[in-house]
C-alpha atoms as a PDB file:
ATOM      1  CA  UNK A   1      46.058-103.110 112.311  1.00  0.00           C
ATOM      2  CA  UNK A   2      43.717-100.997 109.965  1.00  0.00           C
ATOM      3  CA  UNK A   3      41.033-103.700 110.281  1.00  0.00           C
ATOM      4  CA  UNK A   4      40.377-107.047 112.720  1.00  0.00           C
ATOM      5  CA  UNK A   5      40.009-109.856 110.740  1.00  0.00           C
ATOM      6  CA  UNK A   6      37.650-112.225 113.051  1.00  0.00           C
ATOM      7  CA  UNK A   7      37.456-115.918 112.404  1.00  0.00           C
ATOM      8  CA  UNK A   8      34.046-117.369 114.338  1.00  0.00           C
ATOM      9  CA  UNK A   9      33.577-120.889 115.080  1.00  0.00           C
ATOM     10  CA  UNK A  10      30.707-121.955 115.284  1.00  0.00           C
ATOM     11  CA  UNK A  11      27.186-120.996 113.519  1.00  0.00           C
ATOM     12  CA  UNK A  12      24.197-122.189 115.739  1.00  0.00           C
ATOM     13  CA  UNK A  13      22.189-120.227 118.241  1.00  0.00           C
ATOM     14  CA  UNK A  14      25.225-118.313 120.089  1.00  0.00           C
ATOM     15  CA  UNK A  15      27.593-117.346 116.479  1.00  0.00           C
ATOM     16  CA  UNK A  16      24.377-116.446 114.212  1.00  0.00           C
ATOM     17  CA  UNK A  17      22.260-114.576 116.657  1.00  0.00           C
ATOM     18  CA  UNK A  18      24.845-113.008 119.280  1.00  0.00           C
ATOM     19  CA  UNK A  19      28.759-113.396 117.795  1.00  0.00           C
ATOM     20  CA  UNK A  20      28.019-112.633 113.866  1.00  0.00           C
ATOM     21  CA  UNK A  21      25.644-109.267 114.456  1.00  0.00           C
ATOM     22  CA  UNK A  22      27.783-107.840 117.041  1.00  0.00           C
ATOM     23  CA  UNK A  23      31.315-108.397 115.624  1.00  0.00           C
ATOM     24  CA  UNK A  24      29.689-106.905 112.488  1.00  0.00           C
ATOM     25  CA  UNK A  25      28.603-103.757 114.062  1.00  0.00           C
ATOM     26  CA  UNK A  26      31.555-103.180 115.832  1.00  0.00           C
ATOM     27  CA  UNK A  27      33.749-100.520 113.862  1.00  0.00           C
ATOM     28  CA  UNK A  28      37.100-101.916 112.526  1.00  0.00           C
ATOM     29  CA  UNK A  29      35.938-105.398 112.915  1.00  0.00           C
ATOM     30  CA  UNK A  30      35.080-107.868 110.008  1.00  0.00           C
ATOM     31  CA  UNK A  31      33.640-111.015 109.970  1.00  0.00           C
ATOM     32  CA  UNK A  32      36.095-112.903 107.912  1.00  0.00           C
ATOM     33  CA  UNK A  33      35.773-116.566 108.459  1.00  0.00           C
ATOM     34  CA  UNK A  34      33.231-118.580 109.738  1.00  0.00           C
ATOM     35  CA  UNK A  35      33.795-122.521 111.101  1.00  0.00           C
ATOM     36  CA  UNK A  36      30.927-124.264 110.078  1.00  0.00           C
ATOM     37  CA  UNK A  37      29.983-127.804 108.577  1.00  0.00           C
ATOM     38  CA  UNK A  38      26.287-127.274 107.984  1.00  0.00           C
ATOM     39  CA  UNK A  39      25.180-126.357 104.647  1.00  0.00           C
ATOM     40  CA  UNK A  40      22.131-123.869 105.360  1.00  0.00           C
ATOM     41  CA  UNK A  41      24.436-122.144 108.129  1.00  0.00           C
ATOM     42  CA  UNK A  42      27.379-121.767 105.824  1.00  0.00           C
ATOM     43  CA  UNK A  43      25.324-120.331 103.332  1.00  0.00           C
ATOM     44  CA  UNK A  44      23.809-117.818 105.334  1.00  0.00           C
ATOM     45  CA  UNK A  45      26.895-117.068 106.633  1.00  0.00           C
ATOM     46  CA  UNK A  46      28.425-116.051 103.434  1.00  0.00           C
ATOM     47  CA  UNK A  47      25.376-114.423 101.612  1.00  0.00           C
ATOM     48  CA  UNK A  48      24.312-112.273 104.962  1.00  0.00           C
ATOM     49  CA  UNK A  49      28.102-111.368 106.075  1.00  0.00           C
ATOM     50  CA  UNK A  50      30.521-112.206 103.041  1.00  0.00           C
ATOM     51  CA  UNK A  51      32.187-114.323 105.100  1.00  0.00           C
ATOM     52  CA  UNK A  52      34.761-117.090 103.699  1.00  0.00           C
ATOM     53  CA  UNK A  53      33.347-120.381 105.162  1.00  0.00           C
ATOM     54  CA  UNK A  54      35.555-123.672 106.330  1.00  0.00           C
ATOM     55  CA  UNK A  55      34.590-126.927 107.964  1.00  0.00           C
ATOM     56  CA  UNK A  56      37.699-126.842 110.247  1.00  0.00           C
ATOM     57  CA  UNK A  57      38.980-124.335 112.894  1.00  0.00           C
ATOM     58  CA  UNK A  58      42.461-124.937 112.143  1.00  0.00           C
ATOM     59  CA  UNK A  59      41.876-123.480 108.777  1.00  0.00           C
ATOM     60  CA  UNK A  60      41.667-119.982 111.067  1.00  0.00           C
ATOM     61  CA  UNK A  61      45.456-120.149 111.526  1.00  0.00           C
ATOM     62  CA  UNK A  62      47.164-122.600 109.125  1.00  0.00           C
ATOM     63  CA  UNK A  63      46.143-121.523 106.259  1.00  0.00           C
ATOM     64  CA  UNK A  64      46.786-118.735 103.870  1.00  0.00           C
ATOM     65  CA  UNK A  65      44.276-116.219 104.622  1.00  0.00           C
ATOM     66  CA  UNK A  66      44.490-115.947 108.669  1.00  0.00           C
ATOM     67  CA  UNK A  67      42.800-113.603 110.951  1.00  0.00           C
ATOM     68  CA  UNK A  68      43.455-111.434 113.935  1.00  0.00           C
ATOM     69  CA  UNK A  69      40.813-112.931 116.496  1.00  0.00           C
ATOM     70  CA  UNK A  70      39.522-116.211 117.182  1.00  0.00           C
ATOM     71  CA  UNK A  71      35.639-116.498 118.723  1.00  0.00           C
ATOM     72  CA  UNK A  72      34.908-119.919 120.075  1.00  0.00           C
ATOM     73  CA  UNK A  73      30.770-120.229 119.612  1.00  0.00           C
ATOM     74  CA  UNK A  74      31.285-123.973 119.424  1.00  0.00           C
ATOM     75  CA  UNK A  75      29.591-126.622 121.585  1.00  0.00           C
ATOM     76  CA  UNK A  76      30.756-126.336 125.159  1.00  0.00           C
ATOM     77  CA  UNK A  77      33.082-129.873 125.466  1.00  0.00           C
ATOM     78  CA  UNK A  78      35.000-127.874 122.456  1.00  0.00           C
ATOM     79  CA  UNK A  79      35.999-124.708 124.196  1.00  0.00           C
ATOM     80  CA  UNK A  80      39.127-125.982 126.063  1.00  0.00           C
ATOM     81  CA  UNK A  81      40.939-127.635 122.856  1.00  0.00           C
ATOM     82  CA  UNK A  82      39.990-125.240 120.691  1.00  0.00           C
ATOM     83  CA  UNK A  83      41.027-122.164 122.911  1.00  0.00           C
ATOM     84  CA  UNK A  84      44.219-123.995 123.451  1.00  0.00           C
ATOM     85  CA  UNK A  85      45.370-124.513 119.912  1.00  0.00           C
ATOM     86  CA  UNK A  86      44.026-120.859 119.109  1.00  0.00           C
ATOM     87  CA  UNK A  87      46.367-119.655 121.643  1.00  0.00           C
ATOM     88  CA  UNK A  88      49.531-121.938 120.356  1.00  0.00           C
ATOM     89  CA  UNK A  89      48.945-120.725 117.176  1.00  0.00           C
ATOM     90  CA  UNK A  90      49.494-117.225 118.643  1.00  0.00           C
ATOM     91  CA  UNK A  91      45.975-115.425 118.280  1.00  0.00           C
ATOM     92  CA  UNK A  92      43.929-114.063 120.923  1.00  0.00           C
ATOM     93  CA  UNK A  93      40.818-115.539 121.748  1.00  0.00           C
ATOM     94  CA  UNK A  94      36.645-115.157 123.040  1.00  0.00           C
ATOM     95  CA  UNK A  95      35.455-118.027 124.415  1.00  0.00           C
ATOM     96  CA  UNK A  96      31.685-118.203 124.880  1.00  0.00           C
ATOM     97  CA  UNK A  97      30.497-118.840 128.440  1.00  0.00           C
ATOM     98  CA  UNK A  98      31.302-121.468 130.022  1.00  0.00           C
ATOM     99  CA  UNK A  99      34.876-121.122 129.647  1.00  0.00           C
ATOM    100  CA  UNK A 100      35.693-124.501 130.288  1.00  0.00           C
ATOM    101  CA  UNK A 101      34.101-127.597 132.640  1.00  0.00           C
ATOM    102  CA  UNK A 102      36.535-126.729 135.725  1.00  0.00           C
ATOM    103  CA  UNK A 103      38.263-124.678 137.007  1.00  0.00           C
ATOM    104  CA  UNK A 104      41.348-125.894 136.682  1.00  0.00           C
ATOM    105  CA  UNK A 105      41.144-126.274 133.043  1.00  0.00           C
ATOM    106  CA  UNK A 106      40.714-122.724 133.133  1.00  0.00           C
ATOM    107  CA  UNK A 107      43.004-121.750 134.846  1.00  0.00           C
ATOM    108  CA  UNK A 108      45.272-123.850 132.081  1.00  0.00           C
ATOM    109  CA  UNK A 109      44.117-121.510 129.540  1.00  0.00           C
ATOM    110  CA  UNK A 110      44.624-118.154 131.349  1.00  0.00           C
ATOM    111  CA  UNK A 111      48.254-119.076 132.471  1.00  0.00           C
ATOM    112  CA  UNK A 112      48.907-120.184 128.771  1.00  0.00           C
ATOM    113  CA  UNK A 113      47.153-116.813 127.367  1.00  0.00           C
ATOM    114  CA  UNK A 114      49.184-114.667 129.566  1.00  0.00           C
ATOM    115  CA  UNK A 115      52.393-116.691 128.898  1.00  0.00           C
ATOM    116  CA  UNK A 116      51.597-115.984 125.035  1.00  0.00           C
ATOM    117  CA  UNK A 117      50.979-112.212 125.787  1.00  0.00           C
ATOM    118  CA  UNK A 118      47.550-112.800 124.300  1.00  0.00           C
ATOM    119  CA  UNK A 119      43.784-111.648 125.086  1.00  0.00           C
ATOM    120  CA  UNK A 120      41.665-114.578 126.592  1.00  0.00           C
ATOM    121  CA  UNK A 121      38.467-113.093 127.430  1.00  0.00           C
ATOM    122  CA  UNK A 122      34.978-114.504 128.164  1.00  0.00           C
ATOM    123  CA  UNK A 123      31.550-113.689 126.335  1.00  0.00           C
ATOM    124  CA  UNK A 124      29.687-113.059 129.651  1.00  0.00           C
ATOM    125  CA  UNK A 125      27.155-110.841 127.309  1.00  0.00           C
ATOM    126  CA  UNK A 126      25.009-110.527 130.334  1.00  0.00           C
ATOM    127  CA  UNK A 127      27.156-108.100 132.525  1.00  0.00           C
ATOM    128  CA  UNK A 128      25.605-105.875 129.304  1.00  0.00           C
ATOM    129  CA  UNK A 129      21.851-106.351 130.460  1.00  0.00           C
ATOM    130  CA  UNK A 130      19.804-103.518 130.642  1.00  0.00           C
ATOM    131  CA  UNK A 131      18.301-104.841 133.850  1.00  0.00           C
ATOM    132  CA  UNK A 132      21.618-105.574 135.525  1.00  0.00           C
ATOM    133  CA  UNK A 133      23.310-102.084 134.520  1.00  0.00           C
ATOM    134  CA  UNK A 134      20.477-100.598 136.301  1.00  0.00           C
ATOM    135  CA  UNK A 135      20.919-102.859 139.442  1.00  0.00           C
ATOM    136  CA  UNK A 136      24.552-102.308 139.305  1.00  0.00           C
ATOM    137  CA  UNK A 137      23.748 -97.962 139.140  1.00  0.00           C
ATOM    138  CA  UNK A 138      21.327 -98.724 142.090  1.00  0.00           C
ATOM    139  CA  UNK A 139      23.815-100.091 144.051  1.00  0.00           C
ATOM    140  CA  UNK A 140      26.821 -98.142 143.465  1.00  0.00           C
ATOM    141  CA  UNK A 141      24.402 -94.820 144.392  1.00  0.00           C
ATOM    142  CA  UNK A 142      23.690 -96.760 147.431  1.00  0.00           C
ATOM    143  CA  UNK A 143      19.941 -96.369 146.925  1.00  0.00           C
ATOM    144  CA  UNK A 144      19.271-100.211 148.186  1.00  0.00           C
ATOM    145  CA  UNK A 145      21.656 -99.834 151.122  1.00  0.00           C
ATOM    146  CA  UNK A 146      23.178-102.695 152.738  1.00  0.00           C
ATOM    147  CA  UNK A 147      22.129-105.543 150.338  1.00  0.00           C
ATOM    148  CA  UNK A 148      21.099-108.504 152.642  1.00  0.00           C
ATOM    149  CA  UNK A 149      19.716-110.984 150.032  1.00  0.00           C
ATOM    150  CA  UNK A 150      19.221-111.012 146.208  1.00  0.00           C
ATOM    151  CA  UNK A 151      17.186-113.364 144.349  1.00  0.00           C
ATOM    152  CA  UNK A 152      17.894-113.564 140.202  1.00  0.00           C
ATOM    153  CA  UNK A 153      16.236-116.279 137.880  1.00  0.00           C
ATOM    154  CA  UNK A 154      16.547-117.265 134.007  1.00  0.00           C
ATOM    155  CA  UNK A 155      13.096-119.246 133.883  1.00  0.00           C
ATOM    156  CA  UNK A 156      11.235-120.326 131.227  1.00  0.00           C
ATOM    157  CA  UNK A 157       8.418-122.761 130.252  1.00  0.00           C
ATOM    158  CA  UNK A 158       9.253-125.362 128.162  1.00  0.00           C
ATOM    159  CA  UNK A 159       7.837-128.360 128.910  1.00  0.00           C
ATOM    160  CA  UNK A 160       8.571-130.017 125.379  1.00  0.00           C
ATOM    161  CA  UNK A 161      12.256-130.828 125.136  1.00  0.00           C
ATOM    162  CA  UNK A 162      14.093-128.695 122.357  1.00  0.00           C
ATOM    163  CA  UNK A 163      16.563-131.735 121.685  1.00  0.00           C
ATOM    164  CA  UNK A 164      20.314-131.237 121.115  1.00  0.00           C
ATOM    165  CA  UNK A 165      23.417-132.014 123.002  1.00  0.00           C
ATOM    166  CA  UNK A 166      22.413-129.265 125.609  1.00  0.00           C
ATOM    167  CA  UNK A 167      19.513-131.201 126.940  1.00  0.00           C
ATOM    168  CA  UNK A 168      20.654-134.504 125.810  1.00  0.00           C
ATOM    169  CA  UNK A 169      24.281-134.435 127.069  1.00  0.00           C
ATOM    170  CA  UNK A 170      25.862-135.457 129.992  1.00  0.00           C
ATOM    171  CA  UNK A 171      28.744-134.140 131.950  1.00  0.00           C
ATOM    172  CA  UNK A 172      31.395-134.770 129.333  1.00  0.00           C
ATOM    173  CA  UNK A 173      29.550-132.188 127.002  1.00  0.00           C
ATOM    174  CA  UNK A 174      29.322-129.606 129.853  1.00  0.00           C
ATOM    175  CA  UNK A 175      25.558-129.862 129.217  1.00  0.00           C
ATOM    176  CA  UNK A 176      22.489-128.403 131.186  1.00  0.00           C
ATOM    177  CA  UNK A 177      21.424-125.353 132.749  1.00  0.00           C
ATOM    178  CA  UNK A 178      23.640-125.292 135.684  1.00  0.00           C
ATOM    179  CA  UNK A 179      27.137-124.289 133.312  1.00  0.00           C
ATOM    180  CA  UNK A 180      24.518-123.013 130.748  1.00  0.00           C
ATOM    181  CA  UNK A 181      22.422-120.018 132.584  1.00  0.00           C
ATOM    182  CA  UNK A 182      24.378-120.219 135.689  1.00  0.00           C
ATOM    183  CA  UNK A 183      27.113-119.316 134.153  1.00  0.00           C
ATOM    184  CA  UNK A 184      25.190-115.682 133.679  1.00  0.00           C
ATOM    185  CA  UNK A 185      23.815-116.275 137.484  1.00  0.00           C
ATOM    186  CA  UNK A 186      26.606-116.543 139.646  1.00  0.00           C
ATOM    187  CA  UNK A 187      28.746-114.479 137.388  1.00  0.00           C
ATOM    188  CA  UNK A 188      26.569-111.329 138.040  1.00  0.00           C
ATOM    189  CA  UNK A 189      26.060-112.089 141.670  1.00  0.00           C
ATOM    190  CA  UNK A 190      29.774-111.957 141.903  1.00  0.00           C
ATOM    191  CA  UNK A 191      30.402-108.761 140.504  1.00  0.00           C
ATOM    192  CA  UNK A 192      27.599-107.410 143.084  1.00  0.00           C
ATOM    193  CA  UNK A 193      27.997-109.076 145.912  1.00  0.00           C
ATOM    194  CA  UNK A 194      31.787-110.225 145.944  1.00  0.00           C
ATOM    195  CA  UNK A 195      33.561-113.552 146.936  1.00  0.00           C
ATOM    196  CA  UNK A 196      31.418-116.566 148.063  1.00  0.00           C
ATOM    197  CA  UNK A 197      32.081-118.641 151.054  1.00  0.00           C
ATOM    198  CA  UNK A 198      29.193-121.622 151.221  1.00  0.00           C
ATOM    199  CA  UNK A 199      27.275-123.278 148.360  1.00  0.00           C
ATOM    200  CA  UNK A 200      24.164-124.939 148.163  1.00  0.00           C
ATOM    201  CA  UNK A 201      22.577-126.267 145.160  1.00  0.00           C
ATOM    202  CA  UNK A 202      19.771-128.533 144.146  1.00  0.00           C
ATOM    203  CA  UNK A 203      19.707-130.227 140.521  1.00  0.00           C
ATOM    204  CA  UNK A 204      17.052-132.159 138.853  1.00  0.00           C
ATOM    205  CA  UNK A 205      16.094-133.557 135.471  1.00  0.00           C
ATOM    206  CA  UNK A 206      12.421-132.918 135.038  1.00  0.00           C
ATOM    207  CA  UNK A 207      11.405-133.686 131.898  1.00  0.00           C
ATOM    208  CA  UNK A 208      11.349-137.226 129.624  1.00  0.00           C
ATOM    209  CA  UNK A 209      14.028-137.899 127.707  1.00  0.00           C
ATOM    210  CA  UNK A 210      16.359-135.260 128.758  1.00  0.00           C
ATOM    211  CA  UNK A 211      20.072-136.093 130.461  1.00  0.00           C
ATOM    212  CA  UNK A 212      20.975-132.833 131.963  1.00  0.00           C
ATOM    213  CA  UNK A 213      19.729-130.688 134.572  1.00  0.00           C
ATOM    214  CA  UNK A 214      16.680-128.460 133.447  1.00  0.00           C
ATOM    215  CA  UNK A 215      15.504-127.633 137.041  1.00  0.00           C
ATOM    216  CA  UNK A 216      18.503-125.698 139.420  1.00  0.00           C
ATOM    217  CA  UNK A 217      18.491-123.806 142.275  1.00  0.00           C
ATOM    218  CA  UNK A 218      21.976-122.507 144.182  1.00  0.00           C
ATOM    219  CA  UNK A 219      22.288-120.832 147.034  1.00  0.00           C
ATOM    220  CA  UNK A 220      25.363-118.802 147.819  1.00  0.00           C
ATOM    221  CA  UNK A 221      26.825-116.818 151.395  1.00  0.00           C
ATOM    222  CA  UNK A 222      29.149-114.413 150.211  1.00  0.00           C
ATOM    223  CA  UNK A 223      31.940-112.754 152.604  1.00  0.00           C
ATOM    224  CA  UNK A 224      29.811-109.808 152.775  1.00  0.00           C
ATOM    225  CA  UNK A 225      27.202-111.413 154.805  1.00  0.00           C
ATOM    226  CA  UNK A 226      24.759-111.227 152.086  1.00  0.00           C
ATOM    227  CA  UNK A 227      23.063-114.098 150.398  1.00  0.00           C
ATOM    228  CA  UNK A 228      21.979-114.928 146.643  1.00  0.00           C
ATOM    229  CA  UNK A 229      19.207-117.246 145.446  1.00  0.00           C
ATOM    230  CA  UNK A 230      19.706-118.183 141.918  1.00  0.00           C
ATOM    231  CA  UNK A 231      16.997-120.275 139.565  1.00  0.00           C
ATOM    232  CA  UNK A 232      17.860-121.300 136.607  1.00  0.00           C
ATOM    233  CA  UNK A 233      14.883-123.581 135.033  1.00  0.00           C
ATOM    234  CA  UNK A 234      13.052-124.873 132.141  1.00  0.00           C
ATOM    235  CA  UNK A 235       9.855-126.010 133.684  1.00  0.00           C
ATOM    236  CA  UNK A 236       8.663-122.669 135.004  1.00  0.00           C
ATOM    237  CA  UNK A 237       4.493-122.396 134.165  1.00  0.00           C
ATOM    238  CA  UNK A 238       4.628-119.368 136.280  1.00  0.00           C
ATOM    239  CA  UNK A 239       7.660-117.108 136.131  1.00  0.00           C
ATOM    240  CA  UNK A 240       9.368-115.276 139.049  1.00  0.00           C
ATOM    241  CA  UNK A 241      10.866-112.093 138.860  1.00  0.00           C
ATOM    242  CA  UNK A 242      13.770-111.642 137.311  1.00  0.00           C
ATOM    243  CA  UNK A 243      15.620-109.596 139.992  1.00  0.00           C
ATOM    244  CA  UNK A 244      14.189-109.212 143.416  1.00  0.00           C
ATOM    245  CA  UNK A 245      16.712-107.464 145.600  1.00  0.00           C
ATOM    246  CA  UNK A 246      16.594-106.179 149.280  1.00  0.00           C
ATOM    247  CA  UNK A 247      18.557-103.943 151.078  1.00  0.00           C
ATOM    248  CA  UNK A 248      19.052-101.931 154.267  1.00  0.00           C
ATOM    249  CA  UNK A 249      17.079 -99.023 152.733  1.00  0.00           C
ATOM    250  CA  UNK A 250      14.842-100.455 149.892  1.00  0.00           C
ATOM    251  CA  UNK A 251      14.348-102.960 147.074  1.00  0.00           C
ATOM    252  CA  UNK A 252      14.290-103.732 143.595  1.00  0.00           C
ATOM    253  CA  UNK A 253      12.077-105.502 142.030  1.00  0.00           C
ATOM    254  CA  UNK A 254      11.940-106.405 138.179  1.00  0.00           C
ATOM    255  CA  UNK A 255      10.107-108.629 136.113  1.00  0.00           C
ATOM    256  CA  UNK A 256      10.889-109.834 132.393  1.00  0.00           C
ATOM    257  CA  UNK A 257      14.185-110.688 130.270  1.00  0.00           C
ATOM    258  CA  UNK A 258      16.347-107.889 128.801  1.00  0.00           C
ATOM    259  CA  UNK A 259      15.157-107.124 125.258  1.00  0.00           C
ATOM    260  CA  UNK A 260      18.556-107.912 123.584  1.00  0.00           C
ATOM    261  CA  UNK A 261      18.279-111.162 123.190  1.00  0.00           C
ATOM    262  CA  UNK A 262      14.666-111.317 121.648  1.00  0.00           C
ATOM    263  CA  UNK A 263      15.865-108.383 119.300  1.00  0.00           C
ATOM    264  CA  UNK A 264      18.679-110.154 117.954  1.00  0.00           C
ATOM    265  CA  UNK A 265      17.157-113.219 117.341  1.00  0.00           C
ATOM    266  CA  UNK A 266      14.170-110.908 115.295  1.00  0.00           C
ATOM    267  CA  UNK A 267      17.122-110.158 113.289  1.00  0.00           C
ATOM    268  CA  UNK A 268      17.959-106.412 114.697  1.00  0.00           C
ATOM    269  CA  UNK A 269      21.440-105.264 115.466  1.00  0.00           C
ATOM    270  CA  UNK A 270      22.710-102.350 117.767  1.00  0.00           C
ATOM    271  CA  UNK A 271      22.658-100.172 114.900  1.00  0.00           C
ATOM    272  CA  UNK A 272      18.545-100.868 114.565  1.00  0.00           C
ATOM    273  CA  UNK A 273      16.371 -97.868 115.896  1.00  0.00           C
ATOM    274  CA  UNK A 274      15.511 -98.571 119.882  1.00  0.00           C
ATOM    275  CA  UNK A 275      18.165-101.676 120.200  1.00  0.00           C
ATOM    276  CA  UNK A 276      18.574-102.317 123.445  1.00  0.00           C
ATOM    277  CA  UNK A 277      15.655 -99.930 124.924  1.00  0.00           C
ATOM    278  CA  UNK A 278      13.140-101.607 127.059  1.00  0.00           C
ATOM    279  CA  UNK A 279       9.411-100.510 127.303  1.00  0.00           C
ATOM    280  CA  UNK A 280       8.281 -98.759 130.254  1.00  0.00           C
ATOM    281  CA  UNK A 281       5.505-101.287 130.946  1.00  0.00           C
ATOM    282  CA  UNK A 282       8.627-103.377 131.997  1.00  0.00           C
ATOM    283  CA  UNK A 283      10.795-101.283 133.838  1.00  0.00           C
ATOM    284  CA  UNK A 284      11.379-102.716 137.363  1.00  0.00           C
ATOM    285  CA  UNK A 285      10.428-100.453 140.776  1.00  0.00           C
ATOM    286  CA  UNK A 286      12.449 -99.347 143.434  1.00  0.00           C
ATOM    287  CA  UNK A 287      11.532 -98.766 147.542  1.00  0.00           C
ATOM    288  CA  UNK A 288       9.382-100.433 149.781  1.00  0.00           C
ATOM    289  CA  UNK A 289       5.387-102.106 149.502  1.00  0.00           C
ATOM    290  CA  UNK A 290       4.503 -98.471 150.733  1.00  0.00           C
ATOM    291  CA  UNK A 291       6.522 -96.131 149.041  1.00  0.00           C
ATOM    292  CA  UNK A 292       8.359 -97.200 145.634  1.00  0.00           C
ATOM    293  CA  UNK A 293       8.956 -95.496 142.263  1.00  0.00           C
ATOM    294  CA  UNK A 294       9.414 -96.977 138.616  1.00  0.00           C
ATOM    295  CA  UNK A 295      13.104 -96.940 138.134  1.00  0.00           C
ATOM    296  CA  UNK A 296      13.576 -96.821 133.767  1.00  0.00           C
ATOM    297  CA  UNK A 297      15.592 -99.420 132.766  1.00  0.00           C
ATOM    298  CA  UNK A 298      19.048 -98.854 131.350  1.00  0.00           C
ATOM    299  CA  UNK A 299      19.683 -99.485 127.642  1.00  0.00           C
ATOM    300  CA  UNK A 300      21.121-102.702 127.055  1.00  0.00           C
ATOM    301  CA  UNK A 301      24.501-102.580 126.266  1.00  0.00           C
ATOM    302  CA  UNK A 302      26.015-105.827 124.488  1.00  0.00           C
ATOM    303  CA  UNK A 303      27.457-104.199 121.349  1.00  0.00           C
ATOM    304  CA  UNK A 304      30.141-102.871 124.041  1.00  0.00           C
ATOM    305  CA  UNK A 305      31.793-106.267 124.845  1.00  0.00           C
ATOM    306  CA  UNK A 306      33.527-106.083 121.162  1.00  0.00           C
ATOM    307  CA  UNK A 307      34.216-102.341 121.304  1.00  0.00           C
ATOM    308  CA  UNK A 308      35.866-103.339 124.217  1.00  0.00           C
ATOM    309  CA  UNK A 309      37.738-106.503 122.593  1.00  0.00           C
ATOM    310  CA  UNK A 310      38.741-104.207 119.822  1.00  0.00           C
ATOM    311  CA  UNK A 311      40.165-101.616 122.523  1.00  0.00           C
ATOM    312  CA  UNK A 312      42.040-104.552 123.917  1.00  0.00           C
ATOM    313  CA  UNK A 313      43.764-105.379 120.739  1.00  0.00           C
ATOM    314  CA  UNK A 314      44.691-101.960 119.670  1.00  0.00           C
ATOM    315  CA  UNK A 315      45.338-100.120 122.638  1.00  0.00           C
ATOM    316  CA  UNK A 316      45.986-102.507 125.168  1.00  0.00           C
ATOM    317  CA  UNK A 317      43.132-101.637 127.186  1.00  0.00           C
ATOM    318  CA  UNK A 318      41.628-104.205 130.076  1.00  0.00           C
ATOM    319  CA  UNK A 319      39.567-106.835 128.665  1.00  0.00           C
ATOM    320  CA  UNK A 320      35.996-106.413 128.618  1.00  0.00           C
ATOM    321  CA  UNK A 321      36.058-110.005 130.783  1.00  0.00           C
ATOM    322  CA  UNK A 322      38.899-110.595 133.180  1.00  0.00           C
ATOM    323  CA  UNK A 323      38.783-114.416 132.744  1.00  0.00           C
ATOM    324  CA  UNK A 324      40.493-114.880 136.108  1.00  0.00           C
ATOM    325  CA  UNK A 325      36.824-113.601 137.662  1.00  0.00           C
ATOM    326  CA  UNK A 326      35.470-116.727 135.192  1.00  0.00           C
ATOM    327  CA  UNK A 327      37.826-119.218 136.942  1.00  0.00           C
ATOM    328  CA  UNK A 328      36.681-117.854 140.592  1.00  0.00           C
ATOM    329  CA  UNK A 329      32.610-118.125 138.827  1.00  0.00           C
ATOM    330  CA  UNK A 330      33.445-121.859 137.650  1.00  0.00           C
ATOM    331  CA  UNK A 331      34.521-122.540 141.080  1.00  0.00           C
ATOM    332  CA  UNK A 332      31.334-121.545 142.242  1.00  0.00           C
ATOM    333  CA  UNK A 333      29.793-123.759 139.848  1.00  0.00           C
ATOM    334  CA  UNK A 334      31.950-126.905 140.558  1.00  0.00           C
ATOM    335  CA  UNK A 335      31.147-126.549 144.348  1.00  0.00           C
ATOM    336  CA  UNK A 336      27.015-126.255 143.267  1.00  0.00           C
ATOM    337  CA  UNK A 337      27.144-129.644 141.023  1.00  0.00           C
ATOM    338  CA  UNK A 338      29.083-131.291 144.161  1.00  0.00           C
ATOM    339  CA  UNK A 339      26.131-129.580 146.608  1.00  0.00           C
ATOM    340  CA  UNK A 340      23.529-131.119 144.560  1.00  0.00           C
ATOM    341  CA  UNK A 341      25.056-134.518 143.790  1.00  0.00           C
ATOM    342  CA  UNK A 342      25.950-135.075 147.703  1.00  0.00           C
ATOM    343  CA  UNK A 343      23.184-132.991 149.117  1.00  0.00           C
ATOM    344  CA  UNK A 344      25.293-130.927 151.467  1.00  0.00           C
ATOM    345  CA  UNK A 345      26.625-127.550 151.663  1.00  0.00           C
ATOM    346  CA  UNK A 346      30.147-126.532 149.948  1.00  0.00           C
ATOM    347  CA  UNK A 347      32.414-124.578 151.716  1.00  0.00           C
ATOM    348  CA  UNK A 348      35.309-122.770 149.584  1.00  0.00           C
END
């Protein structure tokens, strides 16, 4: 392949602010086609990227101008049927998180991709957050010792709902923060702390006019003996730390979200000077209350995801996110939903 032609399904927030600029920034990749029915979004995708615009995803594999890779960034309820259709058409697929509503559905896609000899991977971009990369480096170097407790938060203060299916939809839409931000929170702690044995969750709807959870807490017990506490909320007038990780030797404390989403929304790209670099005033600290030091945050690296996708398709390298790991995370999310509904601890 001299050039990987990419077809992007969906040009909302995920498609426009994340996938399109990251695909375009990847050497050897071209955003060839965009699927959207919105005239304004269609004009932007065409004008900004020179992509042809089609109204139906099937045109990416049924038409005279096919693509080499399908990226699915459409509403959550469409992820499984679209990924299944693309794989059956013989195309490798990137799916935005969450891959599916259930681990069983995700397993079906994994088996289909394996049987077809095709790449299936999931856009768990928060693995490339600068703070998470920093924490991973500290853990690997033994700076914290044995981790006993990890706290992780994606919190916002959004008392007035924005509207849209993510807030007004139900379980059939795979709406709400448990599957939205929770997909990242759970994925990250599984990578750091390993398998989960017990799940406890609280999931509430706090704002009028909202049908999906907007205030969720998950407590996980890991087979390593560590515990993780995870928050995803839209109703936090005072934000907690992004990470508070306690170990037998030291703790890591970090406030503020990774800068890459903010930069992408502002129109920057990975080619922009300073992209992914966090200012020193937002760096975290390592140590104890009596003896700690500032730790520079690793540069965020979202661009690494699509570079790894290209390496998978061209050279047979492992995909950037193993879909088997996503099945594991969805198993935890399903258990969290059940725990919140039944008000009990769920053992895996």
